[in-house]
Amino acid sequence: METEHLAPPSFSGQKKGRFTFRARGSCPFDEVMQRIDRQWIISYSNRKNKVLKFRTDARMMSWGLGGYLSMLEDDSVEVIIYPIHPRSKREALMVTQLLHAMTSVLGN
């Protein structure tokens, strides 16, 4: 997740979401990056290709989750969330919750 590969990795247990983003300024990707940075830890960003990789912080009982975000030409945002342990029911719930949180972070 922290490499410079632009294609989203494929892991089991991943969930995808697509969101419409309405930017307030002239640089929509920078605005998305700023909103993600307030909530999570950005591990890789590429402004030219509009790709962002992020993660939640590790806690005592969890390694956290990973995320891949790409902004498409129509300013919609595709988000993929990855669990560390794909068979864990707890992490599956955390993945779903993170996708719901992404809705409010992106202002939908």
PDB file of N, CA and C in Angstrom:
ATOM      1  N   MET A   1       0.812  -1.206   0.000  1.00  0.00           N
ATOM      2  CA  MET A   1       0.000   0.000   0.000  1.00  0.00           C
ATOM      3  C   MET A   1       0.853   1.267   0.000  1.00  0.00           C
ATOM      4  N   GLU A   2       2.080   1.164   0.451  1.00  0.00           N
ATOM      5  CA  GLU A   2       2.908   2.366   0.514  1.00  0.00           C
ATOM      6  C   GLU A   2       3.848   2.487  -0.681  1.00  0.00           C
ATOM      7  N   THR A   3       3.647   1.657  -1.693  1.00  0.00           N
ATOM      8  CA  THR A   3       4.496   1.733  -2.877  1.00  0.00           C
ATOM      9  C   THR A   3       3.954   2.767  -3.853  1.00  0.00           C
ATOM     10  N   GLU A   4       4.711   2.997  -4.901  1.00  0.00           N
ATOM     11  CA  GLU A   4       4.309   3.977  -5.901  1.00  0.00           C
ATOM     12  C   GLU A   4       3.449   3.380  -7.012  1.00  0.00           C
ATOM     13  N   HIS A   5       3.057   2.114  -6.887  1.00  0.00           N
ATOM     14  CA  HIS A   5       2.181   1.504  -7.891  1.00  0.00           C
ATOM     15  C   HIS A   5       0.833   2.206  -7.856  1.00  0.00           C
ATOM     16  N   LEU A   6       0.350   2.629  -9.021  1.00  0.00           N
ATOM     17  CA  LEU A   6      -0.890   3.402  -9.075  1.00  0.00           C
ATOM     18  C   LEU A   6      -2.137   2.542  -9.140  1.00  0.00           C
ATOM     19  N   ALA A   7      -2.010   1.321  -9.625  1.00  0.00           N
ATOM     20  CA  ALA A   7      -3.183   0.449  -9.710  1.00  0.00           C
ATOM     21  C   ALA A   7      -3.566  -0.017  -8.312  1.00  0.00           C
ATOM     22  N   PRO A   8      -4.866  -0.105  -8.030  1.00  0.00           N
ATOM     23  CA  PRO A   8      -5.267  -0.556  -6.698  1.00  0.00           C
ATOM     24  C   PRO A   8      -4.921  -2.027  -6.498  1.00  0.00           C
ATOM     25  N   PRO A   9      -4.364  -2.372  -5.353  1.00  0.00           N
ATOM     26  CA  PRO A   9      -4.065  -3.779  -5.094  1.00  0.00           C
ATOM     27  C   PRO A   9      -5.355  -4.565  -4.890  1.00  0.00           C
ATOM     28  N   SER A  10      -5.279  -5.852  -5.107  1.00  0.00           N
ATOM     29  CA  SER A  10      -6.447  -6.705  -4.932  1.00  0.00           C
ATOM     30  C   SER A  10      -6.204  -7.629  -3.743  1.00  0.00           C
ATOM     31  N   PHE A  11      -6.999  -7.449  -2.704  1.00  0.00           N
ATOM     32  CA  PHE A  11      -6.917  -8.287  -1.512  1.00  0.00           C
ATOM     33  C   PHE A  11      -8.299  -8.844  -1.216  1.00  0.00           C
ATOM     34  N   SER A  12      -8.342  -9.984  -0.557  1.00  0.00           N
ATOM     35  CA  SER A  12      -9.650 -10.520  -0.174  1.00  0.00           C
ATOM     36  C   SER A  12     -10.210  -9.693   0.973  1.00  0.00           C
ATOM     37  N   GLY A  13     -11.511  -9.578   1.003  1.00  0.00           N
ATOM     38  CA  GLY A  13     -12.173  -8.818   2.060  1.00  0.00           C
ATOM     39  C   GLY A  13     -12.321  -7.341   1.764  1.00  0.00           C
ATOM     40  N   GLN A  14     -11.833  -6.874   0.620  1.00  0.00           N
ATOM     41  CA  GLN A  14     -11.921  -5.450   0.294  1.00  0.00           C
ATOM     42  C   GLN A  14     -13.344  -5.065  -0.071  1.00  0.00           C
ATOM     43  N   LYS A  15     -13.676  -3.810   0.190  1.00  0.00           N
ATOM     44  CA  LYS A  15     -14.974  -3.255  -0.194  1.00  0.00           C
ATOM     45  C   LYS A  15     -14.741  -1.945  -0.923  1.00  0.00           C
ATOM     46  N   LYS A  16     -15.599  -1.692  -1.925  1.00  0.00           N
ATOM     47  CA  LYS A  16     -15.467  -0.485  -2.737  1.00  0.00           C
ATOM     48  C   LYS A  16     -16.656   0.432  -2.530  1.00  0.00           C
ATOM     49  N   GLY A  17     -16.400   1.688  -2.717  1.00  0.00           N
ATOM     50  CA  GLY A  17     -17.453   2.690  -2.698  1.00  0.00           C
ATOM     51  C   GLY A  17     -17.132   3.763  -3.716  1.00  0.00           C
ATOM     52  N   ARG A  18     -18.175   4.344  -4.277  1.00  0.00           N
ATOM     53  CA  ARG A  18     -17.990   5.445  -5.236  1.00  0.00           C
ATOM     54  C   ARG A  18     -18.819   6.615  -4.747  1.00  0.00           C
ATOM     55  N   PHE A  19     -18.182   7.775  -4.667  1.00  0.00           N
ATOM     56  CA  PHE A  19     -18.814   8.953  -4.103  1.00  0.00           C
ATOM     57  C   PHE A  19     -18.705  10.122  -5.072  1.00  0.00           C
ATOM     58  N   THR A  20     -19.722  10.951  -5.084  1.00  0.00           N
ATOM     59  CA  THR A  20     -19.683  12.184  -5.858  1.00  0.00           C
ATOM     60  C   THR A  20     -19.120  13.269  -4.959  1.00  0.00           C
ATOM     61  N   PHE A  21     -18.116  13.974  -5.438  1.00  0.00           N
ATOM     62  CA  PHE A  21     -17.490  15.015  -4.631  1.00  0.00           C
ATOM     63  C   PHE A  21     -17.719  16.367  -5.284  1.00  0.00           C
ATOM     64  N   ARG A  22     -18.242  17.276  -4.517  1.00  0.00           N
ATOM     65  CA  ARG A  22     -18.460  18.642  -4.997  1.00  0.00           C
ATOM     66  C   ARG A  22     -17.451  19.555  -4.311  1.00  0.00           C
ATOM     67  N   ALA A  23     -16.461  19.952  -5.063  1.00  0.00           N
ATOM     68  CA  ALA A  23     -15.378  20.771  -4.507  1.00  0.00           C
ATOM     69  C   ALA A  23     -15.842  22.204  -4.291  1.00  0.00           C
ATOM     70  N   ARG A  24     -15.270  22.831  -3.293  1.00  0.00           N
ATOM     71  CA  ARG A  24     -15.561  24.241  -3.016  1.00  0.00           C
ATOM     72  C   ARG A  24     -14.573  25.158  -3.716  1.00  0.00           C
ATOM     73  N   GLY A  25     -13.424  24.618  -4.077  1.00  0.00           N
ATOM     74  CA  GLY A  25     -12.385  25.435  -4.710  1.00  0.00           C
ATOM     75  C   GLY A  25     -12.045  24.930  -6.094  1.00  0.00           C
ATOM     76  N   SER A  26     -10.915  25.390  -6.591  1.00  0.00           N
ATOM     77  CA  SER A  26     -10.513  25.041  -7.954  1.00  0.00           C
ATOM     78  C   SER A  26      -9.656  23.776  -8.028  1.00  0.00           C
ATOM     79  N   CYS A  27      -9.237  23.230  -6.886  1.00  0.00           N
ATOM     80  CA  CYS A  27      -8.395  22.028  -6.854  1.00  0.00           C
ATOM     81  C   CYS A  27      -9.100  20.930  -6.058  1.00  0.00           C
ATOM     82  N   PRO A  28      -9.997  20.182  -6.691  1.00  0.00           N
ATOM     83  CA  PRO A  28     -10.781  19.197  -5.952  1.00  0.00           C
ATOM     84  C   PRO A  28      -9.944  18.095  -5.308  1.00  0.00           C
ATOM     85  N   PHE A  29      -8.873  17.622  -5.977  1.00  0.00           N
ATOM     86  CA  PHE A  29      -8.078  16.552  -5.384  1.00  0.00           C
ATOM     87  C   PHE A  29      -7.372  17.025  -4.121  1.00  0.00           C
ATOM     88  N   ASP A  30      -6.857  18.243  -4.125  1.00  0.00           N
ATOM     89  CA  ASP A  30      -6.208  18.781  -2.928  1.00  0.00           C
ATOM     90  C   ASP A  30      -7.195  18.881  -1.772  1.00  0.00           C
ATOM     91  N   GLU A  31      -8.429  19.220  -2.081  1.00  0.00           N
ATOM     92  CA  GLU A  31      -9.452  19.307  -1.045  1.00  0.00           C
ATOM     93  C   GLU A  31      -9.777  17.925  -0.471  1.00  0.00           C
ATOM     94  N   VAL A  32      -9.858  16.920  -1.340  1.00  0.00           N
ATOM     95  CA  VAL A  32     -10.087  15.547  -0.877  1.00  0.00           C
ATOM     96  C   VAL A  32      -8.921  15.101  -0.008  1.00  0.00           C
ATOM     97  N   MET A  33      -7.703  15.376  -0.455  1.00  0.00           N
ATOM     98  CA  MET A  33      -6.515  14.982   0.292  1.00  0.00           C
ATOM     99  C   MET A  33      -6.487  15.638   1.671  1.00  0.00           C
ATOM    100  N   GLN A  34      -6.880  16.882   1.749  1.00  0.00           N
ATOM    101  CA  GLN A  34      -6.910  17.586   3.031  1.00  0.00           C
ATOM    102  C   GLN A  34      -7.940  16.962   3.974  1.00  0.00           C
ATOM    103  N   ARG A  35      -9.098  16.608   3.448  1.00  0.00           N
ATOM    104  CA  ARG A  35     -10.133  15.987   4.283  1.00  0.00           C
ATOM    105  C   ARG A  35      -9.708  14.609   4.776  1.00  0.00           C
ATOM    106  N   ILE A  36      -9.065  13.831   3.919  1.00  0.00           N
ATOM    107  CA  ILE A  36      -8.586  12.509   4.323  1.00  0.00           C
ATOM    108  C   ILE A  36      -7.494  12.654   5.374  1.00  0.00           C
ATOM    109  N   ASP A  37      -6.606  13.618   5.197  1.00  0.00           N
ATOM    110  CA  ASP A  37      -5.492  13.830   6.123  1.00  0.00           C
ATOM    111  C   ASP A  37      -5.971  14.211   7.521  1.00  0.00           C
ATOM    112  N   ARG A  38      -7.105  14.844   7.628  1.00  0.00           N
ATOM    113  CA  ARG A  38      -7.651  15.202   8.950  1.00  0.00           C
ATOM    114  C   ARG A  38      -8.114  13.975   9.727  1.00  0.00           C
ATOM    115  N   GLN A  39      -8.526  12.929   9.028  1.00  0.00           N
ATOM    116  CA  GLN A  39      -9.115  11.756   9.677  1.00  0.00           C
ATOM    117  C   GLN A  39      -8.169  10.558   9.768  1.00  0.00           C
ATOM    118  N   TRP A  40      -7.315  10.390   8.754  1.00  0.00           N
ATOM    119  CA  TRP A  40      -6.480   9.200   8.659  1.00  0.00           C
ATOM    120  C   TRP A  40      -5.048   9.569   8.314  1.00  0.00           C
ATOM    121  N   ILE A  41      -4.198   8.575   8.208  1.00  0.00           N
ATOM    122  CA  ILE A  41      -2.781   8.776   7.927  1.00  0.00           C
ATOM    123  C   ILE A  41      -2.535   8.503   6.441  1.00  0.00           C
ATOM    124  N   ILE A  42      -2.052   9.496   5.720  1.00  0.00           N
ATOM    125  CA  ILE A  42      -1.764   9.327   4.299  1.00  0.00           C
ATOM    126  C   ILE A  42      -0.394   8.670   4.159  1.00  0.00           C
ATOM    127  N   SER A  43      -0.353   7.532   3.455  1.00  0.00           N
ATOM    128  CA  SER A  43       0.917   6.832   3.266  1.00  0.00           C
ATOM    129  C   SER A  43       1.517   7.074   1.884  1.00  0.00           C
ATOM    130  N   TYR A  44       0.702   7.503   0.919  1.00  0.00           N
ATOM    131  CA  TYR A  44       1.197   7.802  -0.425  1.00  0.00           C
ATOM    132  C   TYR A  44       0.200   8.708  -1.125  1.00  0.00           C
ATOM    133  N   SER A  45       0.701   9.690  -1.861  1.00  0.00           N
ATOM    134  CA  SER A  45      -0.185  10.536  -2.665  1.00  0.00           C
ATOM    135  C   SER A  45       0.494  10.876  -3.985  1.00  0.00           C
ATOM    136  N   ASN A  46      -0.310  10.996  -5.027  1.00  0.00           N
ATOM    137  CA  ASN A  46       0.176  11.352  -6.351  1.00  0.00           C
ATOM    138  C   ASN A  46      -0.829  12.323  -6.947  1.00  0.00           C
ATOM    139  N   ARG A  47      -0.514  13.600  -6.894  1.00  0.00           N
ATOM    140  CA  ARG A  47      -1.449  14.632  -7.381  1.00  0.00           C
ATOM    141  C   ARG A  47      -1.686  14.528  -8.884  1.00  0.00           C
ATOM    142  N   LYS A  48      -0.648  14.221  -9.626  1.00  0.00           N
ATOM    143  CA  LYS A  48      -0.760  14.165 -11.081  1.00  0.00           C
ATOM    144  C   LYS A  48      -1.792  13.124 -11.523  1.00  0.00           C
ATOM    145  N   ASN A  49      -1.762  11.952 -10.900  1.00  0.00           N
ATOM    146  CA  ASN A  49      -2.678  10.868 -11.259  1.00  0.00           C
ATOM    147  C   ASN A  49      -3.904  10.792 -10.353  1.00  0.00           C
ATOM    148  N   LYS A  50      -3.981  11.697  -9.373  1.00  0.00           N
ATOM    149  CA  LYS A  50      -5.108  11.782  -8.439  1.00  0.00           C
ATOM    150  C   LYS A  50      -5.341  10.465  -7.694  1.00  0.00           C
ATOM    151  N   VAL A  51      -4.261   9.955  -7.109  1.00  0.00           N
ATOM    152  CA  VAL A  51      -4.298   8.716  -6.340  1.00  0.00           C
ATOM    153  C   VAL A  51      -3.808   8.999  -4.930  1.00  0.00           C
ATOM    154  N   LEU A  52      -4.482   8.384  -3.964  1.00  0.00           N
ATOM    155  CA  LEU A  52      -4.156   8.588  -2.559  1.00  0.00           C
ATOM    156  C   LEU A  52      -4.268   7.246  -1.846  1.00  0.00           C
ATOM    157  N   LYS A  53      -3.259   6.915  -1.035  1.00  0.00           N
ATOM    158  CA  LYS A  53      -3.307   5.705  -0.215  1.00  0.00           C
ATOM    159  C   LYS A  53      -3.238   6.152   1.240  1.00  0.00           C
ATOM    160  N   PHE A  54      -4.079   5.562   2.062  1.00  0.00           N
ATOM    161  CA  PHE A  54      -4.151   5.986   3.458  1.00  0.00           C
ATOM    162  C   PHE A  54      -4.400   4.780   4.347  1.00  0.00           C
ATOM    163  N   ARG A  55      -4.295   4.992   5.639  1.00  0.00           N
ATOM    164  CA  ARG A  55      -4.559   3.926   6.604  1.00  0.00           C
ATOM    165  C   ARG A  55      -5.087   4.523   7.892  1.00  0.00           C
ATOM    166  N   THR A  56      -5.742   3.682   8.639  1.00  0.00           N
ATOM    167  CA  THR A  56      -6.135   4.083   9.985  1.00  0.00           C
ATOM    168  C   THR A  56      -4.946   3.791  10.890  1.00  0.00           C
ATOM    169  N   ASP A  57      -4.935   4.345  12.067  1.00  0.00           N
ATOM    170  CA  ASP A  57      -3.820   4.060  12.956  1.00  0.00           C
ATOM    171  C   ASP A  57      -4.035   2.715  13.637  1.00  0.00           C
ATOM    172  N   ALA A  58      -2.934   2.081  14.006  1.00  0.00           N
ATOM    173  CA  ALA A  58      -2.987   0.799  14.693  1.00  0.00           C
ATOM    174  C   ALA A  58      -3.354   1.030  16.153  1.00  0.00           C
ATOM    175  N   ARG A  59      -4.183   0.185  16.653  1.00  0.00           N
ATOM    176  CA  ARG A  59      -4.599   0.246  18.057  1.00  0.00           C
ATOM    177  C   ARG A  59      -4.088  -0.996  18.785  1.00  0.00           C
ATOM    178  N   MET A  60      -4.392  -1.074  20.059  1.00  0.00           N
ATOM    179  CA  MET A  60      -3.951  -2.197  20.866  1.00  0.00           C
ATOM    180  C   MET A  60      -4.498  -3.527  20.344  1.00  0.00           C
ATOM    181  N   MET A  61      -5.757  -3.536  19.911  1.00  0.00           N
ATOM    182  CA  MET A  61      -6.405  -4.777  19.490  1.00  0.00           C
ATOM    183  C   MET A  61      -6.567  -4.877  17.971  1.00  0.00           C
ATOM    184  N   SER A  62      -6.004  -3.975  17.200  1.00  0.00           N
ATOM    185  CA  SER A  62      -6.205  -3.992  15.756  1.00  0.00           C
ATOM    186  C   SER A  62      -5.008  -3.374  15.041  1.00  0.00           C
ATOM    187  N   TRP A  63      -4.698  -3.913  13.875  1.00  0.00           N
ATOM    188  CA  TRP A  63      -3.642  -3.348  13.043  1.00  0.00           C
ATOM    189  C   TRP A  63      -4.155  -2.197  12.206  1.00  0.00           C
ATOM    190  N   GLY A  64      -5.443  -1.988  12.214  1.00  0.00           N
ATOM    191  CA  GLY A  64      -6.020  -0.912  11.426  1.00  0.00           C
ATOM    192  C   GLY A  64      -6.447  -1.394  10.053  1.00  0.00           C
ATOM    193  N   LEU A  65      -6.819  -0.455   9.210  1.00  0.00           N
ATOM    194  CA  LEU A  65      -7.288  -0.746   7.861  1.00  0.00           C
ATOM    195  C   LEU A  65      -6.481   0.076   6.870  1.00  0.00           C
ATOM    196  N   GLY A  66      -6.443  -0.386   5.639  1.00  0.00           N
ATOM    197  CA  GLY A  66      -5.790   0.361   4.576  1.00  0.00           C
ATOM    198  C   GLY A  66      -6.830   0.873   3.600  1.00  0.00           C
ATOM    199  N   GLY A  67      -6.501   1.947   2.895  1.00  0.00           N
ATOM    200  CA  GLY A  67      -7.439   2.509   1.937  1.00  0.00           C
ATOM    201  C   GLY A  67      -6.746   3.009   0.687  1.00  0.00           C
ATOM    202  N   TYR A  68      -7.461   2.924  -0.427  1.00  0.00           N
ATOM    203  CA  TYR A  68      -6.989   3.406  -1.723  1.00  0.00           C
ATOM    204  C   TYR A  68      -8.069   4.319  -2.272  1.00  0.00           C
ATOM    205  N   LEU A  69      -7.687   5.507  -2.699  1.00  0.00           N
ATOM    206  CA  LEU A  69      -8.643   6.479  -3.214  1.00  0.00           C
ATOM    207  C   LEU A  69      -8.137   7.001  -4.551  1.00  0.00           C
ATOM    208  N   SER A  70      -9.029   7.050  -5.519  1.00  0.00           N
ATOM    209  CA  SER A  70      -8.672   7.669  -6.798  1.00  0.00           C
ATOM    210  C   SER A  70      -9.806   8.578  -7.229  1.00  0.00           C
ATOM    211  N   MET A  71      -9.430   9.733  -7.737  1.00  0.00           N
ATOM    212  CA  MET A  71     -10.423  10.686  -8.234  1.00  0.00           C
ATOM    213  C   MET A  71     -10.521  10.507  -9.737  1.00  0.00           C
ATOM    214  N   LEU A  72     -11.728  10.309 -10.217  1.00  0.00           N
ATOM    215  CA  LEU A  72     -11.964  10.078 -11.634  1.00  0.00           C
ATOM    216  C   LEU A  72     -12.184  11.397 -12.355  1.00  0.00           C
ATOM    217  N   GLU A  73     -12.269  11.344 -13.650  1.00  0.00           N
ATOM    218  CA  GLU A  73     -12.386  12.552 -14.473  1.00  0.00           C
ATOM    219  C   GLU A  73     -13.624  13.392 -14.160  1.00  0.00           C
ATOM    220  N   ASP A  74     -14.706  12.740 -13.781  1.00  0.00           N
ATOM    221  CA  ASP A  74     -15.945  13.484 -13.502  1.00  0.00           C
ATOM    222  C   ASP A  74     -16.019  13.947 -12.046  1.00  0.00           C
ATOM    223  N   ASP A  75     -14.872  14.003 -11.366  1.00  0.00           N
ATOM    224  CA  ASP A  75     -14.758  14.397  -9.955  1.00  0.00           C
ATOM    225  C   ASP A  75     -15.512  13.471  -9.011  1.00  0.00           C
ATOM    226  N   SER A  76     -15.810  12.258  -9.459  1.00  0.00           N
ATOM    227  CA  SER A  76     -16.297  11.265  -8.518  1.00  0.00           C
ATOM    228  C   SER A  76     -15.065  10.583  -7.919  1.00  0.00           C
ATOM    229  N   VAL A  77     -15.241  10.037  -6.733  1.00  0.00           N
ATOM    230  CA  VAL A  77     -14.132   9.457  -5.988  1.00  0.00           C
ATOM    231  C   VAL A  77     -14.418   7.981  -5.769  1.00  0.00           C
ATOM    232  N   GLU A  78     -13.462   7.140  -6.134  1.00  0.00           N
ATOM    233  CA  GLU A  78     -13.585   5.706  -5.882  1.00  0.00           C
ATOM    234  C   GLU A  78     -12.693   5.364  -4.699  1.00  0.00           C
ATOM    235  N   VAL A  79     -13.267   4.675  -3.724  1.00  0.00           N
ATOM    236  CA  VAL A  79     -12.541   4.324  -2.507  1.00  0.00           C
ATOM    237  C   VAL A  79     -12.598   2.814  -2.329  1.00  0.00           C
ATOM    238  N   ILE A  80     -11.459   2.221  -2.009  1.00  0.00           N
ATOM    239  CA  ILE A  80     -11.384   0.797  -1.695  1.00  0.00           C
ATOM    240  C   ILE A  80     -10.766   0.683  -0.309  1.00  0.00           C
ATOM    241  N   ILE A  81     -11.423  -0.070   0.570  1.00  0.00           N
ATOM    242  CA  ILE A  81     -10.944  -0.270   1.941  1.00  0.00           C
ATOM    243  C   ILE A  81     -10.497  -1.721   2.086  1.00  0.00           C
ATOM    244  N   TYR A  82      -9.333  -1.908   2.713  1.00  0.00           N
ATOM    245  CA  TYR A  82      -8.745  -3.232   2.868  1.00  0.00           C
ATOM    246  C   TYR A  82      -8.586  -3.585   4.345  1.00  0.00           C
ATOM    247  N   PRO A  83      -9.076  -4.748   4.774  1.00  0.00           N
ATOM    248  CA  PRO A  83      -8.803  -5.203   6.142  1.00  0.00           C
ATOM    249  C   PRO A  83      -7.472  -5.958   6.193  1.00  0.00           C
ATOM    250  N   ILE A  84      -6.859  -6.005   7.345  1.00  0.00           N
ATOM    251  CA  ILE A  84      -5.632  -6.779   7.522  1.00  0.00           C
ATOM    252  C   ILE A  84      -5.966  -8.268   7.589  1.00  0.00           C
ATOM    253  N   HIS A  85      -7.013  -8.603   8.324  1.00  0.00           N
ATOM    254  CA  HIS A  85      -7.468  -9.990   8.466  1.00  0.00           C
ATOM    255  C   HIS A  85      -8.828 -10.119   7.791  1.00  0.00           C
ATOM    256  N   PRO A  86      -8.887 -10.592   6.552  1.00  0.00           N
ATOM    257  CA  PRO A  86     -10.148 -10.591   5.798  1.00  0.00           C
ATOM    258  C   PRO A  86     -11.226 -11.518   6.355  1.00  0.00           C
ATOM    259  N   ARG A  87     -10.856 -12.516   7.142  1.00  0.00           N
ATOM    260  CA  ARG A  87     -11.865 -13.432   7.685  1.00  0.00           C
ATOM    261  C   ARG A  87     -12.425 -12.976   9.031  1.00  0.00           C
ATOM    262  N   SER A  88     -11.908 -11.897   9.538  1.00  0.00           N
ATOM    263  CA  SER A  88     -12.356 -11.383  10.831  1.00  0.00           C
ATOM    264  C   SER A  88     -13.686 -10.644  10.680  1.00  0.00           C
ATOM    265  N   LYS A  89     -14.678 -11.061  11.454  1.00  0.00           N
ATOM    266  CA  LYS A  89     -15.984 -10.384  11.415  1.00  0.00           C
ATOM    267  C   LYS A  89     -15.863  -8.959  11.941  1.00  0.00           C
ATOM    268  N   ARG A  90     -15.018  -8.791  12.918  1.00  0.00           N
ATOM    269  CA  ARG A  90     -14.821  -7.460  13.499  1.00  0.00           C
ATOM    270  C   ARG A  90     -14.240  -6.499  12.461  1.00  0.00           C
ATOM    271  N   GLU A  91     -13.248  -6.961  11.720  1.00  0.00           N
ATOM    272  CA  GLU A  91     -12.645  -6.095  10.710  1.00  0.00           C
ATOM    273  C   GLU A  91     -13.578  -5.872   9.528  1.00  0.00           C
ATOM    274  N   ALA A  92     -14.413  -6.860   9.205  1.00  0.00           N
ATOM    275  CA  ALA A  92     -15.409  -6.658   8.141  1.00  0.00           C
ATOM    276  C   ALA A  92     -16.367  -5.542   8.539  1.00  0.00           C
ATOM    277  N   LEU A  93     -16.740  -5.508   9.809  1.00  0.00           N
ATOM    278  CA  LEU A  93     -17.598  -4.439  10.316  1.00  0.00           C
ATOM    279  C   LEU A  93     -16.866  -3.093  10.270  1.00  0.00           C
ATOM    280  N   MET A  94     -15.583  -3.093  10.611  1.00  0.00           N
ATOM    281  CA  MET A  94     -14.797  -1.860  10.573  1.00  0.00           C
ATOM    282  C   MET A  94     -14.669  -1.325   9.146  1.00  0.00           C
ATOM    283  N   VAL A  95     -14.549  -2.224   8.171  1.00  0.00           N
ATOM    284  CA  VAL A  95     -14.464  -1.811   6.765  1.00  0.00           C
ATOM    285  C   VAL A  95     -15.752  -1.116   6.354  1.00  0.00           C
ATOM    286  N   THR A  96     -16.882  -1.716   6.722  1.00  0.00           N
ATOM    287  CA  THR A  96     -18.183  -1.118   6.401  1.00  0.00           C
ATOM    288  C   THR A  96     -18.344   0.235   7.081  1.00  0.00           C
ATOM    289  N   GLN A  97     -17.940   0.330   8.336  1.00  0.00           N
ATOM    290  CA  GLN A  97     -18.039   1.597   9.062  1.00  0.00           C
ATOM    291  C   GLN A  97     -17.151   2.674   8.437  1.00  0.00           C
ATOM    292  N   LEU A  98     -15.978   2.286   7.968  1.00  0.00           N
ATOM    293  CA  LEU A  98     -15.082   3.258   7.345  1.00  0.00           C
ATOM    294  C   LEU A  98     -15.663   3.776   6.029  1.00  0.00           C
ATOM    295  N   LEU A  99     -16.324   2.916   5.274  1.00  0.00           N
ATOM    296  CA  LEU A  99     -16.986   3.377   4.048  1.00  0.00           C
ATOM    297  C   LEU A  99     -18.110   4.356   4.369  1.00  0.00           C
ATOM    298  N   HIS A 100     -18.853   4.085   5.447  1.00  0.00           N
ATOM    299  CA  HIS A 100     -19.900   5.026   5.866  1.00  0.00           C
ATOM    300  C   HIS A 100     -19.288   6.348   6.332  1.00  0.00           C
ATOM    301  N   ALA A 101     -18.177   6.287   7.047  1.00  0.00           N
ATOM    302  CA  ALA A 101     -17.503   7.510   7.494  1.00  0.00           C
ATOM    303  C   ALA A 101     -16.994   8.313   6.299  1.00  0.00           C
ATOM    304  N   MET A 102     -16.586   7.615   5.265  1.00  0.00           N
ATOM    305  CA  MET A 102     -16.101   8.287   4.058  1.00  0.00           C
ATOM    306  C   MET A 102     -17.207   9.139   3.435  1.00  0.00           C
ATOM    307  N   THR A 103     -18.441   8.703   3.554  1.00  0.00           N
ATOM    308  CA  THR A 103     -19.576   9.472   3.036  1.00  0.00           C
ATOM    309  C   THR A 103     -19.640  10.843   3.686  1.00  0.00           C
ATOM    310  N   SER A 104     -19.484  10.890   5.003  1.00  0.00           N
ATOM    311  CA  SER A 104     -19.554  12.183   5.684  1.00  0.00           C
ATOM    312  C   SER A 104     -18.286  13.012   5.468  1.00  0.00           C
ATOM    313  N   VAL A 105     -17.135  12.368   5.377  1.00  0.00           N
ATOM    314  CA  VAL A 105     -15.884  13.096   5.162  1.00  0.00           C
ATOM    315  C   VAL A 105     -15.873  13.776   3.792  1.00  0.00           C
ATOM    316  N   LEU A 106     -16.419  13.092   2.798  1.00  0.00           N
ATOM    317  CA  LEU A 106     -16.439  13.661   1.451  1.00  0.00           C
ATOM    318  C   LEU A 106     -17.640  14.564   1.213  1.00  0.00           C
ATOM    319  N   GLY A 107     -18.467  14.722   2.228  1.00  0.00           N
ATOM    320  CA  GLY A 107     -19.558  15.689   2.145  1.00  0.00           C
ATOM    321  C   GLY A 107     -20.757  15.255   1.336  1.00  0.00           C
ATOM    322  N   ASN A 108     -21.051  13.970   1.305  1.00  0.00           N
ATOM    323  CA  ASN A 108     -22.219  13.478   0.563  1.00  0.00           C
ATOM    324  C   ASN A 108     -23.419  13.334   1.470  1.00  0.00           C
TER     325      ASN A 108
END
